[in-house]
Amino acid sequence: MRRLMFILIAVALAVVPATAFFAKAGAQTRNDSSKVVVNEHFEFPNECTAELMDIIDTTTVTCHDQLRADGKFTEKCEIRQDVTAVGETSGIVWQGTATFKDQFVTVDPCNFTFSNHGNIHLISRGSAVNTVIAIDEFVRMQDCALTDDQHIVDFDCRGNGE
């Protein structure tokens, strides 16, 4: 998840230099939308079973961008994932979905905010523990100084785990 956040921040920062171009063009507002589908494979810790999970997912990222004449750039994205996870020690197989809402707001590369809020619901077969992961992140850069950098991950373990 953190890798995805850094990818989104890098893409957004690549868009920031375009703000000068649109401001010079005298445009009042420029809107754009994009949709990308990617397949991923990575490891992620599971606090419910105290092990790493091998994750395979299909991720759909849908973004809506707005560039205002005053140079303010806003990007709002919805990220949906279809997830299969396997516990590397327990062998438990989980199926599930994840939904995230991201927002990136900037006026220049030294002043921006990024927020990411989402939940991952992983359901196991039988009586094995089900896992719900809540992720809440907030990053703020002011005058090229990182002033906020919060990354909260909360695990809700449901079921008896036998």
N, C-alpha and C. Protein backbone atom coordinates (compact mmCIF):
# COMPACT_ATOMS: atom_id res chain seq x y z
N MET A 1 0.82 -1.19 0.00
CA MET A 1 0.00 0.00 0.00
C MET A 1 0.86 1.26 0.00
N ARG A 2 1.93 1.23 0.81
CA ARG A 2 2.80 2.39 0.86
C ARG A 2 3.47 2.60 -0.50
N ARG A 3 3.80 1.48 -1.19
CA ARG A 3 4.40 1.58 -2.52
C ARG A 3 3.45 2.29 -3.47
N LEU A 4 2.16 1.98 -3.40
CA LEU A 4 1.17 2.62 -4.26
C LEU A 4 1.07 4.11 -3.94
N MET A 5 1.15 4.46 -2.65
CA MET A 5 1.09 5.87 -2.28
C MET A 5 2.25 6.63 -2.90
N PHE A 6 3.47 6.07 -2.82
CA PHE A 6 4.62 6.75 -3.39
C PHE A 6 4.51 6.87 -4.90
N ILE A 7 3.94 5.86 -5.57
CA ILE A 7 3.74 5.93 -7.01
C ILE A 7 2.79 7.07 -7.34
N LEU A 8 1.68 7.17 -6.59
CA LEU A 8 0.71 8.24 -6.85
C LEU A 8 1.31 9.62 -6.60
N ILE A 9 2.13 9.75 -5.54
CA ILE A 9 2.76 11.04 -5.27
C ILE A 9 3.73 11.39 -6.40
N ALA A 10 4.51 10.41 -6.88
CA ALA A 10 5.45 10.67 -7.96
C ALA A 10 4.74 11.11 -9.23
N VAL A 11 3.62 10.45 -9.55
CA VAL A 11 2.86 10.84 -10.73
C VAL A 11 2.32 12.26 -10.57
N ALA A 12 1.79 12.55 -9.40
CA ALA A 12 1.23 13.89 -9.17
C ALA A 12 2.32 14.96 -9.25
N LEU A 13 3.51 14.68 -8.71
CA LEU A 13 4.59 15.66 -8.77
C LEU A 13 5.07 15.86 -10.21
N ALA A 14 4.95 14.84 -11.03
CA ALA A 14 5.32 14.99 -12.44
C ALA A 14 4.34 15.90 -13.15
N VAL A 15 3.11 15.97 -12.67
CA VAL A 15 2.09 16.81 -13.29
C VAL A 15 2.25 18.27 -12.88
N VAL A 16 2.84 18.54 -11.72
CA VAL A 16 2.93 19.90 -11.19
C VAL A 16 3.60 20.87 -12.16
N PRO A 17 4.70 20.51 -12.86
CA PRO A 17 5.29 21.48 -13.79
C PRO A 17 4.32 21.92 -14.89
N ALA A 18 3.32 21.15 -15.19
CA ALA A 18 2.35 21.52 -16.22
C ALA A 18 1.49 22.70 -15.76
N THR A 19 1.45 22.98 -14.46
CA THR A 19 0.62 24.07 -13.97
C THR A 19 1.03 25.41 -14.58
N ALA A 20 2.33 25.61 -14.76
CA ALA A 20 2.80 26.87 -15.34
C ALA A 20 2.31 27.00 -16.78
N PHE A 21 2.31 25.92 -17.52
CA PHE A 21 1.84 25.95 -18.90
C PHE A 21 0.38 26.37 -18.99
N PHE A 22 -0.47 25.76 -18.15
CA PHE A 22 -1.90 26.06 -18.21
C PHE A 22 -2.19 27.46 -17.69
N ALA A 23 -1.45 27.93 -16.69
CA ALA A 23 -1.66 29.27 -16.18
C ALA A 23 -1.34 30.31 -17.25
N LYS A 24 -0.25 30.07 -18.02
CA LYS A 24 0.11 31.00 -19.08
C LYS A 24 -0.91 30.99 -20.21
N ALA A 25 -1.57 29.85 -20.40
CA ALA A 25 -2.56 29.75 -21.46
C ALA A 25 -3.83 30.52 -21.11
N GLY A 26 -3.97 30.96 -19.85
CA GLY A 26 -5.12 31.75 -19.44
C GLY A 26 -6.38 30.92 -19.22
N ALA A 27 -6.25 29.63 -19.08
CA ALA A 27 -7.41 28.78 -18.87
C ALA A 27 -7.99 29.01 -17.48
N GLN A 28 -9.31 29.03 -17.39
CA GLN A 28 -9.96 29.18 -16.09
C GLN A 28 -9.81 27.92 -15.26
N THR A 29 -10.14 26.79 -15.85
CA THR A 29 -10.03 25.51 -15.18
C THR A 29 -9.80 24.45 -16.23
N ARG A 30 -8.96 23.49 -15.92
CA ARG A 30 -8.75 22.36 -16.82
C ARG A 30 -9.05 21.10 -16.02
N ASN A 31 -9.96 20.28 -16.53
CA ASN A 31 -10.34 19.04 -15.88
C ASN A 31 -9.89 17.87 -16.74
N ASP A 32 -9.58 16.77 -16.07
CA ASP A 32 -9.16 15.56 -16.79
C ASP A 32 -9.51 14.36 -15.93
N SER A 33 -9.71 13.24 -16.58
CA SER A 33 -9.97 11.98 -15.88
C SER A 33 -9.09 10.90 -16.48
N SER A 34 -8.76 9.92 -15.66
CA SER A 34 -7.95 8.80 -16.15
C SER A 34 -8.35 7.53 -15.40
N LYS A 35 -8.09 6.42 -16.05
CA LYS A 35 -8.36 5.11 -15.44
C LYS A 35 -7.25 4.16 -15.86
N VAL A 36 -6.68 3.49 -14.87
CA VAL A 36 -5.58 2.56 -15.11
C VAL A 36 -5.88 1.26 -14.36
N VAL A 37 -5.60 0.14 -15.00
CA VAL A 37 -5.74 -1.16 -14.36
C VAL A 37 -4.38 -1.84 -14.36
N VAL A 38 -3.92 -2.28 -13.19
CA VAL A 38 -2.63 -2.96 -13.07
C VAL A 38 -2.79 -4.21 -12.23
N ASN A 39 -1.93 -5.19 -12.50
CA ASN A 39 -1.85 -6.40 -11.68
C ASN A 39 -0.59 -6.29 -10.83
N GLU A 40 -0.72 -6.62 -9.54
CA GLU A 40 0.41 -6.49 -8.63
C GLU A 40 0.66 -7.81 -7.90
N HIS A 41 1.89 -7.96 -7.43
CA HIS A 41 2.28 -9.09 -6.60
C HIS A 41 3.28 -8.57 -5.58
N PHE A 42 2.96 -8.71 -4.27
CA PHE A 42 3.84 -8.20 -3.23
C PHE A 42 3.53 -8.91 -1.92
N GLU A 43 4.34 -8.64 -0.89
CA GLU A 43 4.12 -9.18 0.44
C GLU A 43 3.61 -8.07 1.35
N PHE A 44 2.74 -8.46 2.31
CA PHE A 44 2.20 -7.50 3.26
C PHE A 44 2.02 -8.22 4.59
N PRO A 45 2.36 -7.59 5.72
CA PRO A 45 2.22 -8.26 7.01
C PRO A 45 0.77 -8.40 7.44
N ASN A 46 0.47 -9.49 8.13
CA ASN A 46 -0.86 -9.72 8.70
C ASN A 46 -0.68 -9.85 10.21
N GLU A 47 -1.12 -8.84 10.95
CA GLU A 47 -0.98 -8.86 12.41
C GLU A 47 -1.91 -9.88 13.05
N CYS A 48 -2.97 -10.29 12.34
CA CYS A 48 -3.91 -11.26 12.91
C CYS A 48 -3.29 -12.65 13.01
N THR A 49 -2.42 -12.99 12.07
CA THR A 49 -1.80 -14.31 12.07
C THR A 49 -0.29 -14.23 12.30
N ALA A 50 0.23 -13.03 12.51
CA ALA A 50 1.66 -12.81 12.77
C ALA A 50 2.54 -13.42 11.68
N GLU A 51 2.18 -13.14 10.44
CA GLU A 51 2.96 -13.67 9.31
C GLU A 51 2.86 -12.71 8.13
N LEU A 52 3.70 -12.94 7.14
CA LEU A 52 3.58 -12.20 5.89
C LEU A 52 2.57 -12.90 5.01
N MET A 53 1.84 -12.11 4.24
CA MET A 53 0.91 -12.66 3.25
C MET A 53 1.50 -12.39 1.86
N ASP A 54 1.37 -13.36 1.00
CA ASP A 54 1.74 -13.21 -0.40
C ASP A 54 0.49 -12.69 -1.10
N ILE A 55 0.54 -11.46 -1.62
CA ILE A 55 -0.63 -10.77 -2.18
C ILE A 55 -0.56 -10.75 -3.70
N ILE A 56 -1.67 -11.09 -4.33
CA ILE A 56 -1.85 -10.90 -5.77
C ILE A 56 -3.14 -10.12 -5.92
N ASP A 57 -3.08 -9.01 -6.67
CA ASP A 57 -4.30 -8.22 -6.83
C ASP A 57 -4.39 -7.61 -8.22
N THR A 58 -5.62 -7.27 -8.56
CA THR A 58 -5.89 -6.45 -9.73
C THR A 58 -6.40 -5.13 -9.20
N THR A 59 -5.69 -4.07 -9.55
CA THR A 59 -5.99 -2.74 -9.03
C THR A 59 -6.51 -1.85 -10.15
N THR A 60 -7.64 -1.19 -9.88
CA THR A 60 -8.19 -0.20 -10.81
C THR A 60 -8.12 1.16 -10.14
N VAL A 61 -7.41 2.09 -10.77
CA VAL A 61 -7.25 3.44 -10.24
C VAL A 61 -7.98 4.40 -11.17
N THR A 62 -8.98 5.11 -10.63
CA THR A 62 -9.74 6.09 -11.40
C THR A 62 -9.50 7.45 -10.76
N CYS A 63 -8.99 8.40 -11.56
CA CYS A 63 -8.64 9.72 -11.02
C CYS A 63 -9.35 10.83 -11.79
N HIS A 64 -9.66 11.88 -11.07
CA HIS A 64 -10.23 13.10 -11.64
C HIS A 64 -9.33 14.25 -11.20
N ASP A 65 -8.81 14.98 -12.17
CA ASP A 65 -7.87 16.07 -11.92
C ASP A 65 -8.51 17.40 -12.26
N GLN A 66 -8.13 18.42 -11.50
CA GLN A 66 -8.57 19.77 -11.81
C GLN A 66 -7.38 20.71 -11.61
N LEU A 67 -7.10 21.49 -12.64
CA LEU A 67 -6.07 22.51 -12.58
C LEU A 67 -6.74 23.87 -12.73
N ARG A 68 -6.65 24.69 -11.69
CA ARG A 68 -7.32 25.99 -11.70
C ARG A 68 -6.37 27.06 -12.24
N ALA A 69 -6.94 28.15 -12.69
CA ALA A 69 -6.15 29.25 -13.26
C ALA A 69 -5.16 29.82 -12.25
N ASP A 70 -5.47 29.73 -10.93
CA ASP A 70 -4.55 30.25 -9.92
C ASP A 70 -3.38 29.31 -9.65
N GLY A 71 -3.29 28.17 -10.37
CA GLY A 71 -2.19 27.23 -10.22
C GLY A 71 -2.47 26.09 -9.26
N LYS A 72 -3.59 26.09 -8.58
CA LYS A 72 -3.92 25.01 -7.65
C LYS A 72 -4.32 23.77 -8.43
N PHE A 73 -3.66 22.67 -8.13
CA PHE A 73 -3.93 21.38 -8.77
C PHE A 73 -4.52 20.43 -7.74
N THR A 74 -5.64 19.81 -8.07
CA THR A 74 -6.29 18.84 -7.19
C THR A 74 -6.51 17.55 -7.96
N GLU A 75 -6.13 16.44 -7.33
CA GLU A 75 -6.39 15.13 -7.93
C GLU A 75 -7.08 14.27 -6.88
N LYS A 76 -8.23 13.71 -7.26
CA LYS A 76 -8.96 12.79 -6.39
C LYS A 76 -9.02 11.45 -7.10
N CYS A 77 -8.62 10.41 -6.39
CA CYS A 77 -8.58 9.07 -6.98
C CYS A 77 -9.34 8.08 -6.12
N GLU A 78 -9.97 7.14 -6.80
CA GLU A 78 -10.56 5.99 -6.14
C GLU A 78 -9.79 4.77 -6.59
N ILE A 79 -9.36 3.97 -5.63
CA ILE A 79 -8.58 2.78 -5.92
C ILE A 79 -9.38 1.58 -5.45
N ARG A 80 -9.65 0.66 -6.37
CA ARG A 80 -10.37 -0.57 -6.05
C ARG A 80 -9.47 -1.75 -6.38
N GLN A 81 -9.42 -2.71 -5.44
CA GLN A 81 -8.57 -3.88 -5.64
C GLN A 81 -9.36 -5.15 -5.39
N ASP A 82 -9.16 -6.13 -6.26
CA ASP A 82 -9.62 -7.50 -6.03
C ASP A 82 -8.39 -8.27 -5.57
N VAL A 83 -8.46 -8.82 -4.36
CA VAL A 83 -7.27 -9.33 -3.69
C VAL A 83 -7.38 -10.82 -3.39
N THR A 84 -6.28 -11.54 -3.63
CA THR A 84 -6.08 -12.90 -3.14
C THR A 84 -4.80 -12.87 -2.31
N ALA A 85 -4.89 -13.37 -1.09
CA ALA A 85 -3.74 -13.38 -0.19
C ALA A 85 -3.55 -14.78 0.38
N VAL A 86 -2.29 -15.19 0.54
CA VAL A 86 -1.97 -16.50 1.12
C VAL A 86 -0.97 -16.28 2.24
N GLY A 87 -1.29 -16.78 3.43
CA GLY A 87 -0.37 -16.70 4.56
C GLY A 87 0.85 -17.55 4.28
N GLU A 88 2.03 -16.94 4.36
CA GLU A 88 3.25 -17.67 4.01
C GLU A 88 3.59 -18.77 5.01
N THR A 89 3.12 -18.65 6.26
CA THR A 89 3.37 -19.68 7.27
C THR A 89 2.16 -20.59 7.45
N SER A 90 0.98 -19.99 7.60
CA SER A 90 -0.24 -20.76 7.89
C SER A 90 -0.85 -21.40 6.66
N GLY A 91 -0.62 -20.85 5.49
CA GLY A 91 -1.24 -21.35 4.27
C GLY A 91 -2.69 -20.92 4.12
N ILE A 92 -3.19 -20.09 5.04
CA ILE A 92 -4.57 -19.61 4.95
C ILE A 92 -4.72 -18.80 3.66
N VAL A 93 -5.83 -19.03 2.96
CA VAL A 93 -6.12 -18.30 1.73
C VAL A 93 -7.26 -17.32 2.01
N TRP A 94 -7.04 -16.06 1.69
CA TRP A 94 -8.05 -15.03 1.83
C TRP A 94 -8.43 -14.50 0.46
N GLN A 95 -9.70 -14.16 0.29
CA GLN A 95 -10.20 -13.46 -0.89
C GLN A 95 -10.83 -12.18 -0.39
N GLY A 96 -10.75 -11.13 -1.18
CA GLY A 96 -11.39 -9.91 -0.71
C GLY A 96 -11.25 -8.75 -1.64
N THR A 97 -11.67 -7.60 -1.12
CA THR A 97 -11.63 -6.36 -1.88
C THR A 97 -11.05 -5.25 -1.00
N ALA A 98 -10.55 -4.25 -1.68
CA ALA A 98 -10.03 -3.06 -1.00
C ALA A 98 -10.54 -1.84 -1.75
N THR A 99 -10.85 -0.80 -0.99
CA THR A 99 -11.27 0.47 -1.58
C THR A 99 -10.54 1.60 -0.86
N PHE A 100 -9.93 2.48 -1.64
CA PHE A 100 -9.21 3.63 -1.09
C PHE A 100 -9.69 4.89 -1.77
N LYS A 101 -9.65 5.99 -1.03
CA LYS A 101 -9.91 7.33 -1.56
C LYS A 101 -8.65 8.14 -1.29
N ASP A 102 -8.06 8.66 -2.37
CA ASP A 102 -6.86 9.49 -2.26
C ASP A 102 -7.18 10.89 -2.72
N GLN A 103 -6.48 11.86 -2.12
CA GLN A 103 -6.59 13.23 -2.60
C GLN A 103 -5.21 13.88 -2.51
N PHE A 104 -4.83 14.54 -3.60
CA PHE A 104 -3.57 15.26 -3.70
C PHE A 104 -3.88 16.69 -4.10
N VAL A 105 -3.41 17.66 -3.31
CA VAL A 105 -3.66 19.08 -3.60
C VAL A 105 -2.32 19.80 -3.53
N THR A 106 -2.02 20.61 -4.57
CA THR A 106 -0.75 21.32 -4.59
C THR A 106 -0.87 22.63 -5.36
N VAL A 107 0.00 23.54 -5.01
CA VAL A 107 0.16 24.77 -5.80
C VAL A 107 1.55 24.81 -6.43
N ASP A 108 2.49 24.06 -5.86
CA ASP A 108 3.84 23.92 -6.40
C ASP A 108 4.50 22.72 -5.73
N PRO A 109 5.68 22.28 -6.20
CA PRO A 109 6.30 21.08 -5.63
C PRO A 109 6.68 21.18 -4.16
N CYS A 110 6.73 22.39 -3.58
CA CYS A 110 7.12 22.55 -2.18
C CYS A 110 5.93 22.72 -1.24
N ASN A 111 4.72 22.73 -1.77
CA ASN A 111 3.53 22.93 -0.93
C ASN A 111 2.42 22.01 -1.43
N PHE A 112 2.19 20.92 -0.69
CA PHE A 112 1.13 19.99 -1.08
C PHE A 112 0.62 19.20 0.12
N THR A 113 -0.55 18.61 -0.06
CA THR A 113 -1.08 17.65 0.90
C THR A 113 -1.49 16.40 0.14
N PHE A 114 -1.36 15.26 0.80
CA PHE A 114 -1.78 13.98 0.25
C PHE A 114 -2.48 13.22 1.35
N SER A 115 -3.67 12.69 1.04
CA SER A 115 -4.37 11.84 2.01
C SER A 115 -4.82 10.56 1.33
N ASN A 116 -4.83 9.49 2.10
CA ASN A 116 -5.21 8.17 1.62
C ASN A 116 -6.00 7.49 2.73
N HIS A 117 -7.26 7.13 2.45
CA HIS A 117 -8.11 6.47 3.44
C HIS A 117 -8.71 5.24 2.78
N GLY A 118 -8.62 4.09 3.45
CA GLY A 118 -9.20 2.92 2.84
C GLY A 118 -9.31 1.73 3.76
N ASN A 119 -9.99 0.71 3.26
CA ASN A 119 -10.20 -0.54 3.98
C ASN A 119 -9.98 -1.72 3.07
N ILE A 120 -9.42 -2.78 3.64
CA ILE A 120 -9.19 -4.03 2.93
C ILE A 120 -9.93 -5.11 3.70
N HIS A 121 -10.83 -5.81 3.05
CA HIS A 121 -11.60 -6.89 3.68
C HIS A 121 -11.11 -8.21 3.12
N LEU A 122 -10.46 -9.03 3.97
CA LEU A 122 -9.94 -10.33 3.55
C LEU A 122 -10.71 -11.42 4.28
N ILE A 123 -11.44 -12.22 3.51
CA ILE A 123 -12.28 -13.28 4.07
C ILE A 123 -11.64 -14.63 3.78
N SER A 124 -11.50 -15.45 4.83
CA SER A 124 -10.91 -16.78 4.69
C SER A 124 -12.00 -17.83 4.56
N ARG A 125 -11.58 -18.99 4.11
CA ARG A 125 -12.52 -20.11 4.03
C ARG A 125 -12.61 -20.79 5.40
N GLY A 126 -13.76 -21.32 5.72
CA GLY A 126 -13.92 -22.07 6.96
C GLY A 126 -13.79 -21.20 8.19
N SER A 127 -13.17 -21.76 9.24
CA SER A 127 -13.11 -21.07 10.52
C SER A 127 -11.85 -20.24 10.72
N ALA A 128 -10.98 -20.16 9.72
CA ALA A 128 -9.76 -19.36 9.85
C ALA A 128 -10.13 -17.88 10.02
N VAL A 129 -9.24 -17.15 10.65
CA VAL A 129 -9.49 -15.76 10.98
C VAL A 129 -9.69 -14.90 9.72
N ASN A 130 -10.68 -14.02 9.78
CA ASN A 130 -10.89 -13.02 8.73
C ASN A 130 -10.16 -11.74 9.16
N THR A 131 -9.71 -10.97 8.20
CA THR A 131 -8.89 -9.80 8.50
C THR A 131 -9.47 -8.57 7.80
N VAL A 132 -9.69 -7.50 8.57
CA VAL A 132 -10.08 -6.22 8.01
C VAL A 132 -8.98 -5.23 8.37
N ILE A 133 -8.41 -4.60 7.35
CA ILE A 133 -7.31 -3.68 7.55
C ILE A 133 -7.78 -2.28 7.16
N ALA A 134 -7.63 -1.34 8.09
CA ALA A 134 -7.96 0.07 7.82
C ALA A 134 -6.65 0.85 7.70
N ILE A 135 -6.55 1.64 6.65
CA ILE A 135 -5.34 2.43 6.41
C ILE A 135 -5.73 3.90 6.32
N ASP A 136 -5.00 4.73 7.06
CA ASP A 136 -5.26 6.17 7.08
C ASP A 136 -3.91 6.87 7.02
N GLU A 137 -3.69 7.63 5.93
CA GLU A 137 -2.41 8.31 5.75
C GLU A 137 -2.63 9.78 5.42
N PHE A 138 -1.73 10.61 5.92
CA PHE A 138 -1.78 12.04 5.62
C PHE A 138 -0.36 12.58 5.58
N VAL A 139 -0.04 13.28 4.48
CA VAL A 139 1.29 13.87 4.31
C VAL A 139 1.09 15.33 3.90
N ARG A 140 1.85 16.23 4.56
CA ARG A 140 1.79 17.65 4.20
C ARG A 140 3.22 18.18 4.06
N MET A 141 3.45 18.89 2.96
CA MET A 141 4.72 19.57 2.72
C MET A 141 4.41 21.07 2.66
N GLN A 142 5.13 21.84 3.49
CA GLN A 142 4.97 23.30 3.48
C GLN A 142 6.35 23.93 3.33
N ASP A 143 6.50 24.77 2.31
CA ASP A 143 7.77 25.44 2.04
C ASP A 143 8.93 24.44 1.99
N CYS A 144 8.70 23.31 1.31
CA CYS A 144 9.70 22.24 1.12
C CYS A 144 10.10 21.54 2.42
N ALA A 145 9.31 21.68 3.46
CA ALA A 145 9.56 20.98 4.72
C ALA A 145 8.38 20.07 5.02
N LEU A 146 8.66 18.82 5.32
CA LEU A 146 7.62 17.86 5.66
C LEU A 146 7.08 18.19 7.05
N THR A 147 5.82 18.62 7.14
CA THR A 147 5.25 19.04 8.43
C THR A 147 4.34 17.98 9.04
N ASP A 148 3.73 17.14 8.22
CA ASP A 148 2.91 16.03 8.70
C ASP A 148 3.26 14.80 7.89
N ASP A 149 3.37 13.66 8.57
CA ASP A 149 3.67 12.40 7.91
C ASP A 149 3.09 11.28 8.77
N GLN A 150 1.79 11.04 8.61
CA GLN A 150 1.08 10.07 9.45
C GLN A 150 0.68 8.86 8.60
N HIS A 151 1.01 7.67 9.10
CA HIS A 151 0.66 6.42 8.43
C HIS A 151 0.11 5.47 9.50
N ILE A 152 -1.21 5.31 9.52
CA ILE A 152 -1.86 4.48 10.54
C ILE A 152 -2.47 3.26 9.86
N VAL A 153 -2.12 2.08 10.36
CA VAL A 153 -2.67 0.83 9.86
C VAL A 153 -3.27 0.11 11.05
N ASP A 154 -4.55 -0.27 10.95
CA ASP A 154 -5.25 -0.91 12.04
C ASP A 154 -5.82 -2.24 11.55
N PHE A 155 -5.53 -3.32 12.28
CA PHE A 155 -6.03 -4.66 11.94
C PHE A 155 -7.19 -5.03 12.85
N ASP A 156 -8.28 -5.50 12.26
CA ASP A 156 -9.43 -6.03 12.99
C ASP A 156 -9.52 -7.51 12.66
N CYS A 157 -9.20 -8.35 13.65
CA CYS A 157 -9.15 -9.79 13.45
C CYS A 157 -10.49 -10.39 13.89
N ARG A 158 -11.15 -11.07 12.95
CA ARG A 158 -12.47 -11.62 13.22
C ARG A 158 -12.48 -13.12 13.01
N GLY A 159 -13.12 -13.84 13.91
CA GLY A 159 -13.18 -15.30 13.83
C GLY A 159 -12.26 -15.93 14.86
N ASN A 160 -12.32 -17.24 14.94
CA ASN A 160 -11.57 -17.92 16.00
C ASN A 160 -10.14 -18.29 15.59
N GLY A 161 -9.84 -18.27 14.30
CA GLY A 161 -8.49 -18.50 13.85
C GLY A 161 -7.98 -19.91 14.04
N GLU A 162 -8.85 -20.87 14.25
CA GLU A 162 -8.41 -22.26 14.43
C GLU A 162 -8.12 -22.92 13.11
